[in-house]
Each structure stands twice: as C-alpha cells, then as structure tokens.
Amino acid sequence: MDLYRLYLRLKNKYRKLDKYWSLWCKTQKSWKEKEKIAIGAILVQRTNWKNVELALYNLEKQNILSIEAIYKTGKKNFKLLERLIRPSGFYRQKAKRLLECCKFIVEEHKTLKKFLKQDTNKSREQLLNLFGIGPETADSILLYAGEKPIFVIDEYTRRWVKNHHLSNNLGYNVLQRFFENNLPRDYKIYQNFHAMIVLEGQNNRQNLNKRSFHKK
C-alpha cells in the first residue's frame, strides 16, 4: 500500500494528539519549547514520557529548564543535575549526556538557534559525535526542535513497518531512506507520521495487555 495513504489513514484516526505529542508537533514553537524538546529527547532514552515529565518538572522548578542553565548548573554542581533528572532513570549516564550536549551547543554555537541554522547533515554529524547521542536521539532533536525534514526511526516504527510488511530490512538507515523517499519532503508530515506511529504502537500494546488480563 502507498505509504502516504497509510499516513492519511493514521491522521484520520488520530485527529487530536495527546499532550506530549501536541508540544512536539506544534506548528509554531518558541525557542524555550524547542530547548525543552531537545532536553526531553535525551532524557526519554530507555524510559517513558511520564518519567521524563517528572524530571523536566524538577528542572523547571529550579529554573534550569534551558540549555544554557543546564550547562552552567552541570559545571558548578553536577550532583544537583543528577538529582533533578533522577526520575528519568539511568540518571548518571543521562546527566553526563545532557551536560555534554548543552556544553557543546553553548561553547561552540552559543544557542540552539545558531546550532540549528547549520546544514542539517553537519548538525547531525556533530550530534552523533557527542557522548551517548545515537541516530534516534539526534534525529528527534533535528526533526522536532530543528524542524528539519529527517525521519526518526525507533522500535515503534520498526514494529509498524513489520506489521504492514513494508520492508524486510529494519536497519535504521534503510528505513529512514524508505520513509523519506516515499513521502513528501515536509517536516510536518514527518513529525505527525512518526508521532502517530508511536501512538498506534502504544495503543496496540495497551489493548494486547487488556486482552491478556481478561484471559487470566
């Protein structure tokens, strides 16, 4: 089936995104919101968004929910940064990754805005060279904060592709090219499509758990 048609089918099903994706797919984001997304993209590694929200709330409560503030806080009091993001899990690793990313942006580019003004491939390469930043995290920052037309591949996307028999090769680069070559080059479509694939996967998993519970 045509990939764009599958996108439209999901769009018809998920006419309204939840609170989390409403921010990430928002048409006009402030730079404060974009920084929150970039920070969240690192914190959400290997955990769910509810845990990330607790960590973001802790940072916001201490007035540290910005790239520059995290950079300054991490340099002066790394233990405080660890403590604040602890709800996100793997907090020691994530604090290091978060500080490394914020340090790079501030010291090399001053602001996230200036960093994202670069060529997309150059920005991606720089992110991938940072400690603990893989393709999924880098592309999430570029797509959702940078509004760059680059498709994010995660486990939900792989399962969705597999369920629809769209590709036998589930490698990151292969699937990314598949989506980008078969969709209009539009970051809004990429944002919405990826978000809806995740929602579809989460709903399917919840329904499966409910069926399993009733069978017991």
N, C-alpha and C. Protein backbone atom coordinates (compact mmCIF):
# COMPACT_ATOMS: atom_id res chain seq x y z
N MET A 1 0.84 -1.20 0.00
CA MET A 1 0.00 0.00 0.00
C MET A 1 0.88 1.25 0.00
N ASP A 2 0.41 2.29 -0.65
CA ASP A 2 1.11 3.56 -0.71
C ASP A 2 1.36 4.11 0.71
N LEU A 3 2.61 4.50 0.99
CA LEU A 3 2.98 4.96 2.33
C LEU A 3 2.22 6.22 2.73
N TYR A 4 2.06 7.13 1.80
CA TYR A 4 1.34 8.37 2.12
C TYR A 4 -0.13 8.08 2.45
N ARG A 5 -0.71 7.08 1.81
CA ARG A 5 -2.08 6.70 2.11
C ARG A 5 -2.19 6.14 3.54
N LEU A 6 -1.18 5.40 3.95
CA LEU A 6 -1.15 4.90 5.33
C LEU A 6 -1.03 6.06 6.32
N TYR A 7 -0.26 7.04 5.95
CA TYR A 7 -0.15 8.25 6.78
C TYR A 7 -1.51 8.93 6.94
N LEU A 8 -2.23 9.09 5.84
CA LEU A 8 -3.55 9.74 5.88
C LEU A 8 -4.54 8.92 6.71
N ARG A 9 -4.40 7.61 6.65
CA ARG A 9 -5.28 6.75 7.46
C ARG A 9 -5.04 6.98 8.94
N LEU A 10 -3.77 7.05 9.33
CA LEU A 10 -3.45 7.33 10.73
C LEU A 10 -3.89 8.74 11.14
N LYS A 11 -3.71 9.68 10.23
CA LYS A 11 -4.10 11.05 10.52
C LYS A 11 -5.60 11.17 10.75
N ASN A 12 -6.36 10.39 10.04
CA ASN A 12 -7.81 10.38 10.22
C ASN A 12 -8.19 9.74 11.57
N LYS A 13 -7.38 8.77 11.98
CA LYS A 13 -7.64 8.08 13.25
C LYS A 13 -7.23 8.93 14.44
N TYR A 14 -6.09 9.58 14.35
CA TYR A 14 -5.57 10.39 15.46
C TYR A 14 -5.71 11.87 15.11
N ARG A 15 -6.94 12.33 15.12
CA ARG A 15 -7.20 13.73 14.76
C ARG A 15 -6.65 14.70 15.80
N LYS A 16 -6.55 14.22 17.05
CA LYS A 16 -6.02 15.05 18.12
C LYS A 16 -4.93 14.29 18.85
N LEU A 17 -3.73 14.86 18.89
CA LEU A 17 -2.61 14.22 19.56
C LEU A 17 -2.68 14.47 21.06
N ASP A 18 -2.01 13.62 21.85
CA ASP A 18 -2.02 13.80 23.30
C ASP A 18 -1.12 14.98 23.69
N LYS A 19 -1.08 15.26 24.98
CA LYS A 19 -0.36 16.44 25.49
C LYS A 19 1.12 16.42 25.08
N TYR A 20 1.74 15.28 25.18
CA TYR A 20 3.16 15.15 24.85
C TYR A 20 3.42 15.47 23.39
N TRP A 21 2.71 14.80 22.49
CA TRP A 21 2.94 15.00 21.07
C TRP A 21 2.40 16.33 20.57
N SER A 22 1.43 16.89 21.27
CA SER A 22 0.91 18.21 20.87
C SER A 22 2.00 19.26 20.93
N LEU A 23 2.89 19.15 21.92
CA LEU A 23 4.02 20.07 22.01
C LEU A 23 5.03 19.76 20.91
N TRP A 24 5.39 18.50 20.78
CA TRP A 24 6.44 18.13 19.85
C TRP A 24 6.04 18.39 18.40
N CYS A 25 4.74 18.31 18.10
CA CYS A 25 4.25 18.53 16.73
C CYS A 25 3.61 19.90 16.55
N LYS A 26 3.74 20.74 17.53
CA LYS A 26 3.17 22.09 17.47
C LYS A 26 3.71 22.85 16.26
N THR A 27 2.83 23.56 15.57
CA THR A 27 3.23 24.25 14.34
C THR A 27 4.23 25.38 14.60
N GLN A 28 3.94 26.21 15.58
CA GLN A 28 4.86 27.31 15.90
C GLN A 28 5.33 27.17 17.34
N LYS A 29 6.59 26.78 17.51
CA LYS A 29 7.16 26.58 18.83
C LYS A 29 8.06 27.75 19.18
N SER A 30 8.05 28.13 20.43
CA SER A 30 9.01 29.13 20.91
C SER A 30 10.36 28.44 21.07
N TRP A 31 11.43 29.23 21.18
CA TRP A 31 12.74 28.61 21.37
C TRP A 31 12.84 27.96 22.74
N LYS A 32 12.08 28.45 23.69
CA LYS A 32 12.02 27.80 25.00
C LYS A 32 11.43 26.40 24.87
N GLU A 33 10.40 26.27 24.07
CA GLU A 33 9.78 24.95 23.84
C GLU A 33 10.71 24.04 23.05
N LYS A 34 11.44 24.59 22.10
CA LYS A 34 12.38 23.79 21.32
C LYS A 34 13.52 23.27 22.20
N GLU A 35 13.96 24.08 23.14
CA GLU A 35 15.01 23.63 24.05
C GLU A 35 14.47 22.52 24.96
N LYS A 36 13.23 22.67 25.39
CA LYS A 36 12.61 21.64 26.22
C LYS A 36 12.53 20.31 25.47
N ILE A 37 12.22 20.38 24.19
CA ILE A 37 12.14 19.18 23.36
C ILE A 37 13.52 18.54 23.21
N ALA A 38 14.54 19.37 22.96
CA ALA A 38 15.90 18.85 22.82
C ALA A 38 16.36 18.16 24.10
N ILE A 39 16.06 18.77 25.23
CA ILE A 39 16.42 18.19 26.53
C ILE A 39 15.63 16.89 26.74
N GLY A 40 14.35 16.93 26.43
CA GLY A 40 13.50 15.75 26.58
C GLY A 40 13.92 14.60 25.69
N ALA A 41 14.44 14.91 24.51
CA ALA A 41 14.88 13.86 23.59
C ALA A 41 16.02 13.03 24.17
N ILE A 42 16.83 13.65 25.00
CA ILE A 42 17.92 12.93 25.67
C ILE A 42 17.39 12.17 26.88
N LEU A 43 16.53 12.81 27.65
CA LEU A 43 16.01 12.18 28.88
C LEU A 43 15.10 10.99 28.60
N VAL A 44 14.44 10.97 27.43
CA VAL A 44 13.46 9.92 27.15
C VAL A 44 14.11 8.61 26.73
N GLN A 45 15.41 8.59 26.57
CA GLN A 45 16.10 7.35 26.21
C GLN A 45 15.82 6.28 27.26
N ARG A 46 15.33 5.13 26.81
CA ARG A 46 15.11 3.95 27.65
C ARG A 46 14.15 4.20 28.81
N THR A 47 13.16 5.05 28.60
CA THR A 47 12.14 5.26 29.63
C THR A 47 10.87 5.78 28.96
N ASN A 48 9.82 6.02 29.76
CA ASN A 48 8.58 6.56 29.19
C ASN A 48 8.48 8.06 29.51
N TRP A 49 7.57 8.72 28.79
CA TRP A 49 7.48 10.17 28.89
C TRP A 49 7.01 10.65 30.26
N LYS A 50 6.22 9.84 30.96
CA LYS A 50 5.76 10.24 32.30
C LYS A 50 6.94 10.47 33.23
N ASN A 51 7.94 9.60 33.14
CA ASN A 51 9.14 9.76 33.96
C ASN A 51 9.93 11.00 33.54
N VAL A 52 9.95 11.25 32.23
CA VAL A 52 10.66 12.43 31.72
C VAL A 52 9.97 13.70 32.21
N GLU A 53 8.65 13.70 32.22
CA GLU A 53 7.91 14.88 32.68
C GLU A 53 8.26 15.23 34.12
N LEU A 54 8.47 14.22 34.96
CA LEU A 54 8.87 14.47 36.35
C LEU A 54 10.24 15.14 36.40
N ALA A 55 11.15 14.66 35.56
CA ALA A 55 12.50 15.24 35.51
C ALA A 55 12.44 16.67 34.98
N LEU A 56 11.65 16.89 33.94
CA LEU A 56 11.51 18.24 33.38
C LEU A 56 10.88 19.19 34.39
N TYR A 57 9.92 18.68 35.15
CA TYR A 57 9.28 19.49 36.20
C TYR A 57 10.31 19.91 37.24
N ASN A 58 11.18 18.97 37.63
CA ASN A 58 12.23 19.29 38.61
C ASN A 58 13.17 20.37 38.08
N LEU A 59 13.54 20.26 36.82
CA LEU A 59 14.43 21.26 36.22
C LEU A 59 13.74 22.62 36.14
N GLU A 60 12.47 22.61 35.75
CA GLU A 60 11.73 23.87 35.62
C GLU A 60 11.53 24.53 36.98
N LYS A 61 11.28 23.72 37.99
CA LYS A 61 11.08 24.24 39.34
C LYS A 61 12.32 24.97 39.85
N GLN A 62 13.48 24.50 39.44
CA GLN A 62 14.76 25.11 39.84
C GLN A 62 15.24 26.15 38.83
N ASN A 63 14.39 26.44 37.84
CA ASN A 63 14.72 27.41 36.79
C ASN A 63 15.96 26.98 36.00
N ILE A 64 16.02 25.67 35.70
CA ILE A 64 17.17 25.12 34.97
C ILE A 64 16.72 24.46 33.66
N LEU A 65 15.51 24.73 33.22
CA LEU A 65 15.00 24.08 32.03
C LEU A 65 15.38 24.87 30.76
N SER A 66 16.68 24.98 30.55
CA SER A 66 17.20 25.59 29.31
C SER A 66 18.60 25.04 29.10
N ILE A 67 19.06 25.09 27.88
CA ILE A 67 20.37 24.54 27.55
C ILE A 67 21.49 25.29 28.28
N GLU A 68 21.41 26.61 28.31
CA GLU A 68 22.44 27.40 29.00
C GLU A 68 22.43 27.13 30.50
N ALA A 69 21.23 27.04 31.10
CA ALA A 69 21.12 26.82 32.55
C ALA A 69 21.65 25.44 32.93
N ILE A 70 21.36 24.43 32.12
CA ILE A 70 21.87 23.08 32.39
C ILE A 70 23.40 23.07 32.29
N TYR A 71 23.91 23.78 31.29
CA TYR A 71 25.37 23.87 31.11
C TYR A 71 26.03 24.50 32.34
N LYS A 72 25.49 25.61 32.81
CA LYS A 72 26.06 26.30 33.97
C LYS A 72 25.91 25.48 35.24
N THR A 73 24.74 24.88 35.43
CA THR A 73 24.49 24.08 36.63
C THR A 73 25.38 22.85 36.65
N GLY A 74 25.48 22.17 35.50
CA GLY A 74 26.29 20.96 35.42
C GLY A 74 27.75 21.20 35.72
N LYS A 75 28.25 22.36 35.31
CA LYS A 75 29.65 22.71 35.57
C LYS A 75 29.90 22.96 37.05
N LYS A 76 28.92 23.62 37.70
CA LYS A 76 29.09 24.00 39.10
C LYS A 76 28.67 22.89 40.06
N ASN A 77 27.57 22.22 39.74
CA ASN A 77 27.01 21.23 40.67
C ASN A 77 26.40 20.07 39.90
N PHE A 78 27.26 19.17 39.45
CA PHE A 78 26.81 18.04 38.64
C PHE A 78 25.88 17.13 39.44
N LYS A 79 26.12 16.99 40.73
CA LYS A 79 25.27 16.14 41.59
C LYS A 79 23.84 16.67 41.62
N LEU A 80 23.68 17.99 41.61
CA LEU A 80 22.34 18.57 41.59
C LEU A 80 21.62 18.20 40.29
N LEU A 81 22.33 18.28 39.18
CA LEU A 81 21.74 17.92 37.89
C LEU A 81 21.32 16.45 37.90
N GLU A 82 22.16 15.59 38.43
CA GLU A 82 21.82 14.17 38.55
C GLU A 82 20.55 13.98 39.36
N ARG A 83 20.48 14.67 40.48
CA ARG A 83 19.32 14.52 41.38
C ARG A 83 18.03 14.99 40.72
N LEU A 84 18.10 16.08 39.99
CA LEU A 84 16.90 16.64 39.38
C LEU A 84 16.34 15.74 38.28
N ILE A 85 17.22 15.08 37.52
CA ILE A 85 16.73 14.25 36.42
C ILE A 85 16.59 12.77 36.81
N ARG A 86 16.77 12.49 38.07
CA ARG A 86 16.72 11.09 38.54
C ARG A 86 15.45 10.34 38.12
N PRO A 87 14.26 10.97 38.13
CA PRO A 87 13.04 10.24 37.73
C PRO A 87 13.10 9.64 36.33
N SER A 88 13.97 10.17 35.46
CA SER A 88 14.03 9.68 34.07
C SER A 88 14.81 8.36 33.96
N GLY A 89 15.42 7.91 35.07
CA GLY A 89 16.18 6.67 35.05
C GLY A 89 17.56 6.84 34.43
N PHE A 90 18.47 5.91 34.79
CA PHE A 90 19.85 5.98 34.28
C PHE A 90 20.39 7.40 34.41
N TYR A 91 20.08 8.03 35.54
CA TYR A 91 20.30 9.47 35.69
C TYR A 91 21.77 9.88 35.64
N ARG A 92 22.68 9.02 36.06
CA ARG A 92 24.10 9.39 35.99
C ARG A 92 24.55 9.47 34.53
N GLN A 93 24.18 8.48 33.74
CA GLN A 93 24.53 8.49 32.31
C GLN A 93 23.85 9.66 31.59
N LYS A 94 22.58 9.85 31.90
CA LYS A 94 21.83 10.90 31.20
C LYS A 94 22.30 12.29 31.59
N ALA A 95 22.68 12.47 32.84
CA ALA A 95 23.20 13.78 33.26
C ALA A 95 24.49 14.10 32.49
N LYS A 96 25.32 13.09 32.31
CA LYS A 96 26.57 13.27 31.56
C LYS A 96 26.27 13.59 30.10
N ARG A 97 25.33 12.86 29.51
CA ARG A 97 24.97 13.08 28.11
C ARG A 97 24.35 14.47 27.92
N LEU A 98 23.47 14.82 28.84
CA LEU A 98 22.79 16.11 28.77
C LEU A 98 23.78 17.26 28.89
N LEU A 99 24.69 17.16 29.85
CA LEU A 99 25.69 18.21 30.04
C LEU A 99 26.62 18.31 28.84
N GLU A 100 27.01 17.15 28.31
CA GLU A 100 27.90 17.14 27.15
C GLU A 100 27.26 17.85 25.96
N CYS A 101 25.98 17.57 25.74
CA CYS A 101 25.26 18.18 24.63
C CYS A 101 25.10 19.69 24.83
N CYS A 102 24.69 20.08 26.02
CA CYS A 102 24.49 21.50 26.32
C CYS A 102 25.81 22.26 26.28
N LYS A 103 26.86 21.64 26.77
CA LYS A 103 28.19 22.25 26.74
C LYS A 103 28.63 22.51 25.31
N PHE A 104 28.43 21.52 24.45
CA PHE A 104 28.81 21.66 23.04
C PHE A 104 28.04 22.80 22.37
N ILE A 105 26.75 22.85 22.59
CA ILE A 105 25.93 23.88 21.95
C ILE A 105 26.33 25.27 22.42
N VAL A 106 26.50 25.43 23.74
CA VAL A 106 26.83 26.75 24.30
C VAL A 106 28.24 27.19 23.90
N GLU A 107 29.21 26.29 24.04
CA GLU A 107 30.61 26.67 23.78
C GLU A 107 30.92 26.81 22.29
N GLU A 108 30.26 26.02 21.46
CA GLU A 108 30.56 26.05 20.03
C GLU A 108 29.62 26.93 19.21
N HIS A 109 28.36 27.08 19.70
CA HIS A 109 27.36 27.79 18.89
C HIS A 109 26.60 28.87 19.66
N LYS A 110 26.84 28.96 20.95
CA LYS A 110 26.17 29.93 21.83
C LYS A 110 24.72 29.54 22.14
N THR A 111 23.91 29.28 21.11
CA THR A 111 22.50 28.97 21.32
C THR A 111 22.06 27.81 20.43
N LEU A 112 20.95 27.18 20.81
CA LEU A 112 20.37 26.12 20.00
C LEU A 112 19.97 26.67 18.62
N LYS A 113 19.47 27.89 18.61
CA LYS A 113 19.04 28.51 17.36
C LYS A 113 20.18 28.59 16.36
N LYS A 114 21.35 29.02 16.81
CA LYS A 114 22.51 29.13 15.91
C LYS A 114 23.00 27.76 15.48
N PHE A 115 22.94 26.81 16.42
CA PHE A 115 23.36 25.44 16.08
C PHE A 115 22.48 24.86 14.97
N LEU A 116 21.18 25.08 15.06
CA LEU A 116 20.24 24.51 14.10
C LEU A 116 20.20 25.25 12.77
N LYS A 117 20.86 26.42 12.70
CA LYS A 117 20.92 27.16 11.44
C LYS A 117 21.90 26.53 10.45
N GLN A 118 22.72 25.62 10.94
CA GLN A 118 23.70 24.95 10.10
C GLN A 118 23.01 24.02 9.10
N ASP A 119 23.80 23.53 8.17
CA ASP A 119 23.35 22.47 7.28
C ASP A 119 22.94 21.26 8.12
N THR A 120 21.84 20.62 7.76
CA THR A 120 21.30 19.51 8.55
C THR A 120 22.31 18.37 8.72
N ASN A 121 22.99 18.01 7.66
CA ASN A 121 23.96 16.91 7.74
C ASN A 121 25.10 17.24 8.70
N LYS A 122 25.51 18.50 8.70
CA LYS A 122 26.59 18.92 9.60
C LYS A 122 26.11 18.87 11.05
N SER A 123 24.90 19.37 11.31
CA SER A 123 24.34 19.33 12.67
C SER A 123 24.20 17.90 13.15
N ARG A 124 23.73 17.02 12.28
CA ARG A 124 23.54 15.61 12.63
C ARG A 124 24.87 14.95 12.98
N GLU A 125 25.87 15.20 12.16
CA GLU A 125 27.20 14.64 12.39
C GLU A 125 27.76 15.10 13.73
N GLN A 126 27.58 16.37 14.05
CA GLN A 126 28.08 16.90 15.32
C GLN A 126 27.37 16.26 16.50
N LEU A 127 26.07 16.08 16.39
CA LEU A 127 25.31 15.44 17.47
C LEU A 127 25.77 14.00 17.67
N LEU A 128 25.96 13.28 16.58
CA LEU A 128 26.36 11.88 16.66
C LEU A 128 27.77 11.70 17.23
N ASN A 129 28.56 12.76 17.19
CA ASN A 129 29.91 12.70 17.76
C ASN A 129 29.91 12.93 19.27
N LEU A 130 28.75 13.32 19.82
CA LEU A 130 28.66 13.57 21.25
C LEU A 130 28.42 12.26 22.02
N PHE A 131 28.88 12.23 23.26
CA PHE A 131 28.72 11.05 24.10
C PHE A 131 27.25 10.69 24.29
N GLY A 132 26.90 9.45 23.97
CA GLY A 132 25.56 8.94 24.27
C GLY A 132 24.45 9.41 23.34
N ILE A 133 24.80 10.10 22.25
CA ILE A 133 23.78 10.55 21.30
C ILE A 133 23.82 9.67 20.06
N GLY A 134 22.78 8.86 19.90
CA GLY A 134 22.68 7.98 18.74
C GLY A 134 21.77 8.58 17.68
N PRO A 135 21.57 7.87 16.57
CA PRO A 135 20.74 8.39 15.47
C PRO A 135 19.33 8.77 15.88
N GLU A 136 18.68 7.95 16.71
CA GLU A 136 17.30 8.24 17.10
C GLU A 136 17.20 9.56 17.87
N THR A 137 18.09 9.76 18.83
CA THR A 137 18.09 10.98 19.63
C THR A 137 18.46 12.19 18.78
N ALA A 138 19.50 12.05 17.98
CA ALA A 138 19.94 13.16 17.11
C ALA A 138 18.83 13.57 16.15
N ASP A 139 18.20 12.59 15.53
CA ASP A 139 17.16 12.90 14.55
C ASP A 139 15.90 13.45 15.21
N SER A 140 15.62 13.03 16.43
CA SER A 140 14.48 13.59 17.18
C SER A 140 14.69 15.07 17.44
N ILE A 141 15.91 15.43 17.82
CA ILE A 141 16.24 16.84 18.06
C ILE A 141 16.11 17.64 16.76
N LEU A 142 16.64 17.09 15.69
CA LEU A 142 16.63 17.80 14.40
C LEU A 142 15.22 17.93 13.83
N LEU A 143 14.42 16.87 13.96
CA LEU A 143 13.06 16.90 13.42
C LEU A 143 12.13 17.76 14.25
N TYR A 144 12.09 17.52 15.55
CA TYR A 144 11.08 18.16 16.39
C TYR A 144 11.50 19.54 16.92
N ALA A 145 12.78 19.72 17.20
CA ALA A 145 13.24 21.03 17.66
C ALA A 145 13.75 21.87 16.48
N GLY A 146 14.45 21.21 15.56
CA GLY A 146 15.03 21.93 14.43
C GLY A 146 14.11 22.05 13.23
N GLU A 147 13.03 21.28 13.23
CA GLU A 147 12.06 21.29 12.12
C GLU A 147 12.76 20.99 10.79
N LYS A 148 13.66 19.99 10.85
CA LYS A 148 14.36 19.54 9.66
C LYS A 148 13.64 18.30 9.11
N PRO A 149 13.52 18.18 7.79
CA PRO A 149 12.85 17.01 7.21
C PRO A 149 13.72 15.76 7.25
N ILE A 150 13.78 15.15 8.44
CA ILE A 150 14.56 13.94 8.63
C ILE A 150 13.72 12.99 9.49
N PHE A 151 13.47 11.79 8.98
CA PHE A 151 12.52 10.90 9.65
C PHE A 151 13.21 10.12 10.77
N VAL A 152 12.52 10.04 11.91
CA VAL A 152 13.04 9.34 13.08
C VAL A 152 12.60 7.87 13.04
N ILE A 153 13.55 6.98 13.28
CA ILE A 153 13.25 5.55 13.33
C ILE A 153 13.46 5.07 14.76
N ASP A 154 12.42 4.45 15.33
CA ASP A 154 12.54 3.86 16.66
C ASP A 154 11.90 2.48 16.63
N GLU A 155 11.80 1.83 17.79
CA GLU A 155 11.25 0.47 17.83
C GLU A 155 9.78 0.44 17.42
N TYR A 156 9.03 1.48 17.76
CA TYR A 156 7.63 1.54 17.34
C TYR A 156 7.54 1.57 15.80
N THR A 157 8.42 2.34 15.18
CA THR A 157 8.43 2.44 13.72
C THR A 157 8.78 1.09 13.09
N ARG A 158 9.77 0.42 13.66
CA ARG A 158 10.17 -0.89 13.13
C ARG A 158 9.02 -1.90 13.23
N ARG A 159 8.32 -1.91 14.37
CA ARG A 159 7.20 -2.83 14.53
C ARG A 159 6.08 -2.51 13.55
N TRP A 160 5.82 -1.21 13.36
CA TRP A 160 4.77 -0.78 12.45
C TRP A 160 5.08 -1.19 11.02
N VAL A 161 6.33 -0.99 10.60
CA VAL A 161 6.77 -1.39 9.27
C VAL A 161 6.64 -2.90 9.09
N LYS A 162 7.05 -3.63 10.13
CA LYS A 162 6.98 -5.09 10.07
C LYS A 162 5.53 -5.57 9.99
N ASN A 163 4.65 -4.97 10.78
CA ASN A 163 3.23 -5.36 10.79
C ASN A 163 2.55 -5.10 9.45
N HIS A 164 3.03 -4.07 8.73
CA HIS A 164 2.44 -3.73 7.44
C HIS A 164 3.22 -4.32 6.26
N HIS A 165 4.22 -5.15 6.59
CA HIS A 165 5.01 -5.85 5.57
C HIS A 165 5.59 -4.89 4.53
N LEU A 166 6.13 -3.78 5.03
CA LEU A 166 6.65 -2.74 4.13
C LEU A 166 8.12 -2.93 3.79
N SER A 167 8.85 -3.63 4.66
CA SER A 167 10.27 -3.84 4.41
C SER A 167 10.78 -5.02 5.24
N ASN A 168 11.64 -5.80 4.64
CA ASN A 168 12.26 -6.91 5.38
C ASN A 168 13.51 -6.46 6.11
N ASN A 169 14.07 -5.36 5.66
CA ASN A 169 15.27 -4.81 6.29
C ASN A 169 14.85 -3.71 7.25
N LEU A 170 15.09 -3.92 8.55
CA LEU A 170 14.66 -2.97 9.57
C LEU A 170 15.81 -2.11 10.10
N GLY A 171 16.90 -2.06 9.35
CA GLY A 171 18.04 -1.23 9.75
C GLY A 171 17.67 0.24 9.76
N TYR A 172 18.32 1.01 10.61
CA TYR A 172 17.96 2.43 10.79
C TYR A 172 18.04 3.20 9.48
N ASN A 173 19.19 3.16 8.83
CA ASN A 173 19.38 3.96 7.62
C ASN A 173 18.47 3.52 6.48
N VAL A 174 18.25 2.20 6.38
CA VAL A 174 17.38 1.68 5.32
C VAL A 174 15.96 2.18 5.49
N LEU A 175 15.43 2.09 6.73
CA LEU A 175 14.06 2.53 6.97
C LEU A 175 13.93 4.05 6.85
N GLN A 176 14.95 4.77 7.27
CA GLN A 176 14.90 6.22 7.15
C GLN A 176 14.81 6.63 5.68
N ARG A 177 15.61 6.00 4.84
CA ARG A 177 15.55 6.29 3.41
C ARG A 177 14.20 5.88 2.82
N PHE A 178 13.65 4.78 3.31
CA PHE A 178 12.35 4.30 2.81
C PHE A 178 11.27 5.35 3.06
N PHE A 179 11.21 5.88 4.27
CA PHE A 179 10.20 6.89 4.59
C PHE A 179 10.44 8.18 3.82
N GLU A 180 11.68 8.63 3.79
CA GLU A 180 11.99 9.90 3.15
C GLU A 180 11.83 9.85 1.63
N ASN A 181 12.03 8.68 1.04
CA ASN A 181 11.89 8.54 -0.42
C ASN A 181 10.45 8.34 -0.86
N ASN A 182 9.57 7.99 0.09
CA ASN A 182 8.19 7.68 -0.27
C ASN A 182 7.17 8.64 0.33
N LEU A 183 7.66 9.75 0.85
CA LEU A 183 6.77 10.78 1.40
C LEU A 183 7.19 12.15 0.86
N PRO A 184 6.27 13.10 0.84
CA PRO A 184 6.66 14.47 0.50
C PRO A 184 7.71 14.96 1.50
N ARG A 185 8.69 15.72 1.05
CA ARG A 185 9.77 16.17 1.94
C ARG A 185 9.25 17.35 2.77
N ASP A 186 8.53 17.01 3.82
CA ASP A 186 7.84 18.00 4.65
C ASP A 186 8.00 17.61 6.12
N TYR A 187 8.67 18.44 6.88
CA TYR A 187 8.94 18.09 8.28
C TYR A 187 7.67 17.90 9.09
N LYS A 188 6.59 18.62 8.73
CA LYS A 188 5.32 18.46 9.47
C LYS A 188 4.74 17.07 9.26
N ILE A 189 4.82 16.58 8.03
CA ILE A 189 4.35 15.22 7.76
C ILE A 189 5.20 14.22 8.52
N TYR A 190 6.50 14.43 8.52
CA TYR A 190 7.41 13.53 9.25
C TYR A 190 7.10 13.54 10.75
N GLN A 191 6.90 14.73 11.30
CA GLN A 191 6.58 14.83 12.74
C GLN A 191 5.29 14.09 13.07
N ASN A 192 4.24 14.41 12.34
CA ASN A 192 2.93 13.81 12.63
C ASN A 192 2.92 12.31 12.40
N PHE A 193 3.55 11.88 11.31
CA PHE A 193 3.57 10.45 10.98
C PHE A 193 4.28 9.67 12.07
N HIS A 194 5.48 10.13 12.45
CA HIS A 194 6.23 9.42 13.49
C HIS A 194 5.46 9.40 14.81
N ALA A 195 4.87 10.54 15.18
CA ALA A 195 4.11 10.63 16.43
C ALA A 195 2.93 9.66 16.42
N MET A 196 2.23 9.58 15.30
CA MET A 196 1.06 8.70 15.21
C MET A 196 1.45 7.23 15.19
N ILE A 197 2.60 6.91 14.61
CA ILE A 197 3.10 5.53 14.65
C ILE A 197 3.37 5.11 16.09
N VAL A 198 3.96 6.02 16.87
CA VAL A 198 4.23 5.73 18.28
C VAL A 198 2.91 5.54 19.05
N LEU A 199 1.95 6.44 18.82
CA LEU A 199 0.65 6.32 19.48
C LEU A 199 -0.04 5.02 19.11
N GLU A 200 0.03 4.65 17.85
CA GLU A 200 -0.57 3.40 17.38
C GLU A 200 0.07 2.21 18.08
N GLY A 201 1.38 2.22 18.19
CA GLY A 201 2.09 1.14 18.87
C GLY A 201 1.74 1.06 20.34
N GLN A 202 1.64 2.20 20.99
CA GLN A 202 1.29 2.23 22.42
C GLN A 202 -0.13 1.73 22.64
N ASN A 203 -1.05 2.14 21.77
CA ASN A 203 -2.45 1.69 21.89
C ASN A 203 -2.57 0.20 21.64
N ASN A 204 -1.85 -0.31 20.67
CA ASN A 204 -1.88 -1.75 20.38
C ASN A 204 -1.35 -2.55 21.55
N ARG A 205 -0.30 -2.03 22.18
CA ARG A 205 0.28 -2.72 23.33
C ARG A 205 -0.68 -2.71 24.51
N GLN A 206 -1.36 -1.58 24.73
CA GLN A 206 -2.34 -1.50 25.82
C GLN A 206 -3.51 -2.45 25.58
N ASN A 207 -3.98 -2.52 24.34
CA ASN A 207 -5.09 -3.42 24.01
C ASN A 207 -4.69 -4.87 24.19
N LEU A 208 -3.44 -5.19 23.83
CA LEU A 208 -2.93 -6.55 24.00
C LEU A 208 -2.86 -6.91 25.47
N ASN A 209 -2.40 -5.96 26.30
CA ASN A 209 -2.31 -6.20 27.74
C ASN A 209 -3.69 -6.41 28.35
N LYS A 210 -4.67 -5.66 27.85
CA LYS A 210 -6.04 -5.81 28.36
C LYS A 210 -6.60 -7.18 28.01
N ARG A 211 -6.36 -7.62 26.79
CA ARG A 211 -6.85 -8.94 26.36
C ARG A 211 -6.19 -10.04 27.17
N SER A 212 -4.89 -9.88 27.42
CA SER A 212 -4.16 -10.88 28.21
C SER A 212 -4.70 -10.93 29.64
N PHE A 213 -5.04 -9.75 30.19
CA PHE A 213 -5.56 -9.69 31.55
C PHE A 213 -6.91 -10.39 31.66
N HIS A 214 -7.79 -10.17 30.67
CA HIS A 214 -9.12 -10.78 30.71
C HIS A 214 -9.09 -12.28 30.50
N LYS A 215 -8.03 -12.78 29.87
CA LYS A 215 -7.92 -14.22 29.64
C LYS A 215 -7.49 -14.97 30.89
N LYS A 216 -6.90 -14.25 31.83
CA LYS A 216 -6.38 -14.92 33.04
C LYS A 216 -7.51 -15.36 33.96
